[in-house]
Amino acid sequence: MSAPDVLFLCARNAVRSPMAEALFNHKTGGGAISCGVAPAGFPDGHMVAVMAELGLDLSEFECKGLDSVANHPTRMVCLTDELSAVAEEIAASWGIPLETWNIPDPALEAGPRDIRLSAYRTARETIEGRISTLLAATGEA
């Protein structure tokens, strides 16, 4: 297996990083993987629902940890400031560039389902915009 172009890193690999992986791969045809520092046992149901709105089925997504990264990517995107120190250490040890996008975790949103789903959609749209910017900057758009 060849090295992935980008690794999206977050805490649990249940919400933001699976969104980023799916959106990047949908736009480019592949090249992204995702993982979490402490992976959850299953993907977040609200994340699955808002990605399905775009026709992307993540219902069978498997949350993964850093130990699942067999080949080092050519770059890393950390999706939360909370993990920036960990991400910096990993990126430096792998000799790859790092970007940090501080995307608020929609799973922390309280309230009724419609309010929570709105937070997930906001995260999804923010990630999608950042991916478009990344691809334009690298000439891949």
C-alpha atoms as a PDB file:
ATOM      1  CA  MET A   1       0.000   0.000   0.000  1.00  0.00           C
ATOM      2  CA  SER A   2       1.356   3.429  -0.903  1.00  0.00           C
ATOM      3  CA  ALA A   3       1.604   6.262   1.570  1.00  0.00           C
ATOM      4  CA  PRO A   4      -1.551   8.336   1.978  1.00  0.00           C
ATOM      5  CA  ASP A   5      -1.422  11.959   0.900  1.00  0.00           C
ATOM      6  CA  VAL A   6      -2.969  13.270   4.124  1.00  0.00           C
ATOM      7  CA  LEU A   7      -3.741  11.980   7.591  1.00  0.00           C
ATOM      8  CA  PHE A   8      -6.582  13.650   9.474  1.00  0.00           C
ATOM      9  CA  LEU A   9      -6.042  13.338  13.214  1.00  0.00           C
ATOM     10  CA  CYS A  10      -8.510  13.996  16.020  1.00  0.00           C
ATOM     11  CA  ALA A  11      -9.243  12.639  19.469  1.00  0.00           C
ATOM     12  CA  ARG A  12     -11.552   9.657  18.903  1.00  0.00           C
ATOM     13  CA  ASN A  13     -11.786   9.197  15.099  1.00  0.00           C
ATOM     14  CA  ALA A  14     -15.567   9.172  15.491  1.00  0.00           C
ATOM     15  CA  VAL A  15     -16.715  12.587  14.210  1.00  0.00           C
ATOM     16  CA  ARG A  16     -14.375  15.182  12.688  1.00  0.00           C
ATOM     17  CA  SER A  17     -11.613  13.040  11.221  1.00  0.00           C
ATOM     18  CA  PRO A  18     -13.973  10.534   9.529  1.00  0.00           C
ATOM     19  CA  MET A  19     -15.831  13.509   8.032  1.00  0.00           C
ATOM     20  CA  ALA A  20     -12.547  14.945   6.750  1.00  0.00           C
ATOM     21  CA  GLU A  21     -11.363  11.613   5.348  1.00  0.00           C
ATOM     22  CA  ALA A  22     -14.651  11.008   3.514  1.00  0.00           C
ATOM     23  CA  LEU A  23     -14.924  14.564   2.186  1.00  0.00           C
ATOM     24  CA  PHE A  24     -11.302  14.637   0.994  1.00  0.00           C
ATOM     25  CA  ASN A  25     -11.605  11.245  -0.689  1.00  0.00           C
ATOM     26  CA  HIS A  26     -14.921  12.211  -2.278  1.00  0.00           C
ATOM     27  CA  LYS A  27     -13.349  15.360  -3.770  1.00  0.00           C
ATOM     28  CA  THR A  28     -10.091  13.725  -4.877  1.00  0.00           C
ATOM     29  CA  GLY A  29     -10.892  10.074  -5.462  1.00  0.00           C
ATOM     30  CA  GLY A  30      -8.735   8.934  -2.543  1.00  0.00           C
ATOM     31  CA  GLY A  31      -5.542   9.669  -0.696  1.00  0.00           C
ATOM     32  CA  ALA A  32      -6.778  10.429   2.828  1.00  0.00           C
ATOM     33  CA  ILE A  33      -6.888   8.370   5.986  1.00  0.00           C
ATOM     34  CA  SER A  34      -7.941   9.314   9.491  1.00  0.00           C
ATOM     35  CA  CYS A  35      -7.272   8.181  13.009  1.00  0.00           C
ATOM     36  CA  GLY A  36      -7.693   9.208  16.610  1.00  0.00           C
ATOM     37  CA  VAL A  37      -5.340   9.417  19.548  1.00  0.00           C
ATOM     38  CA  ALA A  38      -7.829   7.393  21.646  1.00  0.00           C
ATOM     39  CA  PRO A  39     -10.202   5.855  19.093  1.00  0.00           C
ATOM     40  CA  ALA A  40     -13.851   5.328  19.929  1.00  0.00           C
ATOM     41  CA  GLY A  41     -15.417   1.919  19.546  1.00  0.00           C
ATOM     42  CA  PHE A  42     -17.813   3.062  16.817  1.00  0.00           C
ATOM     43  CA  PRO A  43     -18.585   6.110  14.671  1.00  0.00           C
ATOM     44  CA  ASP A  44     -20.893   8.803  16.023  1.00  0.00           C
ATOM     45  CA  GLY A  45     -24.483   8.360  14.815  1.00  0.00           C
ATOM     46  CA  HIS A  46     -25.061  12.065  14.223  1.00  0.00           C
ATOM     47  CA  MET A  47     -21.902  12.198  12.097  1.00  0.00           C
ATOM     48  CA  VAL A  48     -23.167   9.270  10.046  1.00  0.00           C
ATOM     49  CA  ALA A  49     -26.521  11.040   9.574  1.00  0.00           C
ATOM     50  CA  VAL A  50     -25.095  14.358   8.353  1.00  0.00           C
ATOM     51  CA  MET A  51     -22.652  12.644   6.009  1.00  0.00           C
ATOM     52  CA  ALA A  52     -25.519  10.585   4.571  1.00  0.00           C
ATOM     53  CA  GLU A  53     -27.161  13.903   3.655  1.00  0.00           C
ATOM     54  CA  LEU A  54     -24.329  14.269   1.121  1.00  0.00           C
ATOM     55  CA  GLY A  55     -24.684  10.689  -0.092  1.00  0.00           C
ATOM     56  CA  LEU A  56     -21.618   9.506   1.845  1.00  0.00           C
ATOM     57  CA  ASP A  57     -22.278   6.320   3.812  1.00  0.00           C
ATOM     58  CA  LEU A  58     -20.076   6.112   6.897  1.00  0.00           C
ATOM     59  CA  SER A  59     -22.298   3.649   8.756  1.00  0.00           C
ATOM     60  CA  GLU A  60     -19.603   0.954   8.498  1.00  0.00           C
ATOM     61  CA  PHE A  61     -16.701   3.279   9.337  1.00  0.00           C
ATOM     62  CA  GLU A  62     -14.179   1.734  11.728  1.00  0.00           C
ATOM     63  CA  CYS A  63     -12.548   4.085  14.225  1.00  0.00           C
ATOM     64  CA  LYS A  64      -8.768   3.663  14.125  1.00  0.00           C
ATOM     65  CA  GLY A  65      -5.784   4.704  16.204  1.00  0.00           C
ATOM     66  CA  LEU A  66      -2.321   5.890  15.246  1.00  0.00           C
ATOM     67  CA  ASP A  67      -1.113   2.290  15.323  1.00  0.00           C
ATOM     68  CA  SER A  68      -3.185   1.673  12.168  1.00  0.00           C
ATOM     69  CA  VAL A  69      -1.008   4.049  10.109  1.00  0.00           C
ATOM     70  CA  ALA A  70       1.249   1.598   8.276  1.00  0.00           C
ATOM     71  CA  ASN A  71       2.784   4.118   5.869  1.00  0.00           C
ATOM     72  CA  HIS A  72       3.494   7.684   6.884  1.00  0.00           C
ATOM     73  CA  PRO A  73       1.413  10.245   4.993  1.00  0.00           C
ATOM     74  CA  THR A  74       2.974  13.159   3.133  1.00  0.00           C
ATOM     75  CA  ARG A  75       1.158  15.647   5.415  1.00  0.00           C
ATOM     76  CA  MET A  76      -1.015  15.749   8.506  1.00  0.00           C
ATOM     77  CA  VAL A  77      -4.011  17.832   9.497  1.00  0.00           C
ATOM     78  CA  CYS A  78      -4.880  17.936  13.192  1.00  0.00           C
ATOM     79  CA  LEU A  79      -8.534  18.859  13.696  1.00  0.00           C
ATOM     80  CA  THR A  80      -8.300  20.239  17.233  1.00  0.00           C
ATOM     81  CA  ASP A  81      -5.967  22.571  19.081  1.00  0.00           C
ATOM     82  CA  GLU A  82      -6.197  20.198  22.051  1.00  0.00           C
ATOM     83  CA  LEU A  83      -3.979  17.715  20.234  1.00  0.00           C
ATOM     84  CA  SER A  84      -1.610  20.174  18.581  1.00  0.00           C
ATOM     85  CA  ALA A  85       1.375  19.212  20.773  1.00  0.00           C
ATOM     86  CA  VAL A  86       0.850  15.505  20.064  1.00  0.00           C
ATOM     87  CA  ALA A  87       0.388  16.192  16.357  1.00  0.00           C
ATOM     88  CA  GLU A  88       3.535  18.360  16.239  1.00  0.00           C
ATOM     89  CA  GLU A  89       5.561  15.583  17.819  1.00  0.00           C
ATOM     90  CA  ILE A  90       4.241  12.961  15.397  1.00  0.00           C
ATOM     91  CA  ALA A  91       4.644  15.156  12.316  1.00  0.00           C
ATOM     92  CA  ALA A  92       8.189  16.067  13.334  1.00  0.00           C
ATOM     93  CA  SER A  93       9.126  12.418  13.900  1.00  0.00           C
ATOM     94  CA  TRP A  94       7.715  11.520  10.478  1.00  0.00           C
ATOM     95  CA  GLY A  95       9.278  14.567   8.808  1.00  0.00           C
ATOM     96  CA  ILE A  96       5.994  15.825   7.343  1.00  0.00           C
ATOM     97  CA  PRO A  97       4.223  19.177   7.375  1.00  0.00           C
ATOM     98  CA  LEU A  98       1.387  19.758   9.810  1.00  0.00           C
ATOM     99  CA  GLU A  99      -1.649  22.016   9.722  1.00  0.00           C
ATOM    100  CA  THR A 100      -3.989  22.434  12.671  1.00  0.00           C
ATOM    101  CA  TRP A 101      -7.632  23.274  12.030  1.00  0.00           C
ATOM    102  CA  ASN A 102      -9.426  23.961  15.272  1.00  0.00           C
ATOM    103  CA  ILE A 103     -12.843  22.495  14.436  1.00  0.00           C
ATOM    104  CA  PRO A 104     -15.140  22.522  17.495  1.00  0.00           C
ATOM    105  CA  ASP A 105     -16.335  19.039  18.428  1.00  0.00           C
ATOM    106  CA  PRO A 106     -20.061  18.937  17.596  1.00  0.00           C
ATOM    107  CA  ALA A 107     -20.490  15.958  19.926  1.00  0.00           C
ATOM    108  CA  LEU A 108     -20.181  18.410  22.805  1.00  0.00           C
ATOM    109  CA  GLU A 109     -23.281  20.327  21.679  1.00  0.00           C
ATOM    110  CA  ALA A 110     -26.180  19.915  24.096  1.00  0.00           C
ATOM    111  CA  GLY A 111     -29.846  20.208  23.353  1.00  0.00           C
ATOM    112  CA  PRO A 112     -32.473  18.617  21.153  1.00  0.00           C
ATOM    113  CA  ARG A 113     -31.549  16.546  18.113  1.00  0.00           C
ATOM    114  CA  ASP A 114     -32.118  19.351  15.586  1.00  0.00           C
ATOM    115  CA  ILE A 115     -29.742  21.663  17.473  1.00  0.00           C
ATOM    116  CA  ARG A 116     -27.118  18.944  17.721  1.00  0.00           C
ATOM    117  CA  LEU A 117     -27.433  18.043  14.029  1.00  0.00           C
ATOM    118  CA  SER A 118     -26.968  21.714  13.174  1.00  0.00           C
ATOM    119  CA  ALA A 119     -23.635  21.672  15.033  1.00  0.00           C
ATOM    120  CA  TYR A 120     -22.569  18.577  13.069  1.00  0.00           C
ATOM    121  CA  ARG A 121     -23.535  20.249   9.788  1.00  0.00           C
ATOM    122  CA  THR A 122     -21.522  23.319  10.746  1.00  0.00           C
ATOM    123  CA  ALA A 123     -18.482  21.143  11.475  1.00  0.00           C
ATOM    124  CA  ARG A 124     -18.964  19.279   8.183  1.00  0.00           C
ATOM    125  CA  GLU A 125     -19.246  22.501   6.181  1.00  0.00           C
ATOM    126  CA  THR A 126     -16.224  24.021   7.922  1.00  0.00           C
ATOM    127  CA  ILE A 127     -14.144  20.922   7.190  1.00  0.00           C
ATOM    128  CA  GLU A 128     -15.337  20.872   3.590  1.00  0.00           C
ATOM    129  CA  GLY A 129     -14.324  24.523   3.152  1.00  0.00           C
ATOM    130  CA  ARG A 130     -10.898  23.924   4.682  1.00  0.00           C
ATOM    131  CA  ILE A 131     -10.353  20.928   2.392  1.00  0.00           C
ATOM    132  CA  SER A 132     -11.246  23.054  -0.646  1.00  0.00           C
ATOM    133  CA  THR A 133      -8.726  25.676   0.500  1.00  0.00           C
ATOM    134  CA  LEU A 134      -6.072  22.996   1.080  1.00  0.00           C
ATOM    135  CA  LEU A 135      -6.626  21.487  -2.356  1.00  0.00           C
ATOM    136  CA  ALA A 136      -6.531  24.889  -4.044  1.00  0.00           C
ATOM    137  CA  ALA A 137      -3.267  25.753  -2.239  1.00  0.00           C
ATOM    138  CA  THR A 138      -1.654  22.501  -3.349  1.00  0.00           C
ATOM    139  CA  GLY A 139      -2.983  22.738  -6.895  1.00  0.00           C
ATOM    140  CA  GLU A 140      -5.204  19.691  -6.485  1.00  0.00           C
ATOM    141  CA  ALA A 141      -8.556  21.512  -6.749  1.00  0.00           C
END
